[in-house]
Protein backbone atom coordinates (compact mmCIF):
# COMPACT_ATOMS: atom_id res chain seq x y z
CA MET A 1 139.00 133.75 243.32
CA ASN A 2 142.51 132.68 242.30
CA ILE A 3 145.23 135.30 242.67
CA LEU A 4 148.61 134.68 241.07
CA VAL A 5 151.41 136.25 243.10
CA CYS A 6 154.60 136.68 241.05
CA GLU A 7 157.37 137.60 243.47
CA ASP A 8 160.99 136.42 243.59
CA ASP A 9 161.63 137.54 247.18
CA MET A 10 160.42 134.66 249.36
CA MET A 11 159.76 136.80 252.45
CA THR A 12 157.57 139.18 250.46
CA GLN A 13 155.88 136.27 248.67
CA LYS A 14 155.00 134.58 251.98
CA ALA A 15 153.71 137.84 253.48
CA LEU A 16 151.50 138.47 250.44
CA GLU A 17 150.27 134.88 250.46
CA HIS A 18 149.38 135.10 254.16
CA ARG A 19 147.47 138.36 253.80
CA LEU A 20 145.58 137.23 250.71
CA PHE A 21 144.56 133.97 252.42
CA GLN A 22 143.29 136.07 255.35
CA ASP A 23 141.23 138.09 252.86
CA GLY A 24 139.65 134.88 251.56
CA TYR A 25 141.50 134.46 248.25
CA GLN A 26 143.07 131.33 246.83
CA VAL A 27 146.75 132.06 246.17
CA ILE A 28 149.02 130.56 243.56
CA THR A 29 152.66 131.68 243.66
CA ALA A 30 155.38 132.00 241.06
CA LYS A 31 158.99 132.74 241.97
CA ASP A 32 159.86 134.21 238.56
CA GLY A 33 158.26 135.42 235.35
CA ARG A 34 158.76 132.17 233.48
CA GLU A 35 156.94 130.22 236.20
CA ALA A 36 154.16 132.84 236.12
CA ILE A 37 153.68 132.33 232.37
CA ASP A 38 153.54 128.54 232.83
CA THR A 39 150.93 129.00 235.58
CA LEU A 40 148.83 131.31 233.41
CA LYS A 41 148.80 128.64 230.70
CA THR A 42 147.58 125.88 233.02
CA GLU A 43 145.55 127.49 235.82
CA GLU A 44 142.40 129.60 235.91
CA ILE A 45 143.72 132.92 237.23
CA ASP A 46 141.37 135.78 238.19
CA PHE A 47 143.87 138.40 239.37
CA VAL A 48 147.64 138.95 239.06
CA LEU A 49 150.01 140.66 241.51
CA THR A 50 153.44 140.92 239.93
CA ASP A 51 156.78 142.30 240.98
CA LEU A 52 158.60 144.46 238.42
CA HIS A 53 162.08 142.93 238.64
CA MET A 54 162.02 139.13 238.40
CA PRO A 55 164.32 136.54 236.85
CA PHE A 56 163.75 135.41 233.24
CA VAL A 57 160.64 137.53 232.51
CA SER A 58 160.06 140.96 234.06
CA GLY A 59 156.76 142.18 235.44
CA LEU A 60 156.38 144.49 232.43
CA GLU A 61 156.95 141.58 230.04
CA LEU A 62 154.42 139.54 232.01
CA ILE A 63 151.79 142.28 231.67
CA SER A 64 152.44 142.43 227.94
CA TYR A 65 152.17 138.64 227.67
CA ILE A 66 148.82 138.57 229.50
CA ARG A 67 147.33 141.41 227.45
CA ASN A 68 148.82 140.71 224.01
CA ASP A 69 149.53 136.98 223.80
CA LEU A 70 146.84 135.53 226.05
CA LYS A 71 144.39 138.37 225.21
CA LYS A 72 143.12 138.27 228.80
CA ASN A 73 141.64 141.23 230.60
CA ILE A 74 142.22 139.94 234.12
CA PRO A 75 143.13 142.61 236.69
CA ILE A 76 146.87 143.16 237.14
CA VAL A 77 148.58 145.09 239.93
CA MET A 78 152.31 145.82 239.73
CA LEU A 79 154.34 145.70 242.97
CA THR A 80 157.78 147.26 243.03
CA ARG A 81 160.36 149.25 244.90
CA VAL A 82 160.84 151.36 241.77
CA GLY A 83 158.62 154.42 241.76
CA LEU A 84 160.07 156.08 238.67
CA GLU A 85 157.43 157.86 236.62
CA ASP A 86 158.57 156.25 233.34
CA THR A 87 158.20 152.76 234.80
CA VAL A 88 154.79 153.55 236.27
CA LEU A 89 153.60 154.98 232.93
CA GLN A 90 154.97 151.99 231.02
CA ALA A 91 153.15 149.57 233.34
CA PHE A 92 149.86 151.41 232.78
CA GLU A 93 150.42 151.64 229.01
CA LEU A 94 150.97 147.88 228.88
CA GLY A 95 147.72 147.27 230.75
CA ALA A 96 148.35 147.30 234.49
CA ASP A 97 145.30 148.27 236.51
CA ASP A 98 147.22 149.64 239.49
CA TYR A 99 150.77 150.14 240.73
CA ILE A 100 151.89 149.82 244.35
CA THR A 101 155.31 150.96 245.53
CA LYS A 102 157.01 148.84 248.20
CA PRO A 103 156.94 148.97 251.11
CA PHE A 104 153.17 149.08 251.52
CA SER A 105 150.82 148.13 254.31
CA PRO A 106 148.78 144.93 254.10
CA SER A 107 145.63 147.01 254.57
CA GLU A 108 146.54 149.18 251.57
CA LEU A 109 147.06 146.07 249.47
CA SER A 110 143.66 144.65 250.47
CA LEU A 111 141.94 147.93 249.71
CA ARG A 112 143.59 148.33 246.32
CA ILE A 113 142.70 144.77 245.28
CA LYS A 114 139.08 145.35 246.23
CA ARG A 115 139.07 148.67 244.35
CA VAL A 116 140.52 147.11 241.19
CA LEU A 117 138.02 144.24 241.38
CA LEU A 118 135.11 146.69 241.66
CA LYS A 119 136.36 148.67 238.66
CA SER A 120 136.79 145.51 236.56
CA LYS A 121 133.16 144.39 236.96
């Protein structure tokens, strides 16, 4: 399973990549929203983890692009330090499957990914 990790903070990106590799996933990274869109056009992606605030294209714009332009129903989990109710609701309205507020434990991330994957089958 290919997971696209869209995260502009390199420390967070490396930590996510390490944990996901440990969990047995193939990880493709994007340092900003524009790179994520390019990756989605060229790679077979099964799951997306995206930060909210990224250069060029935000996480919310990325969710909209996946759902409306690509018409893909791949699972999407939003990662962010912003826990504002309006932002959470907007992410879900655009098509996010889950929303995780940073900081979070690696075990919580693993569990939420598994839960989203079970729901999407």
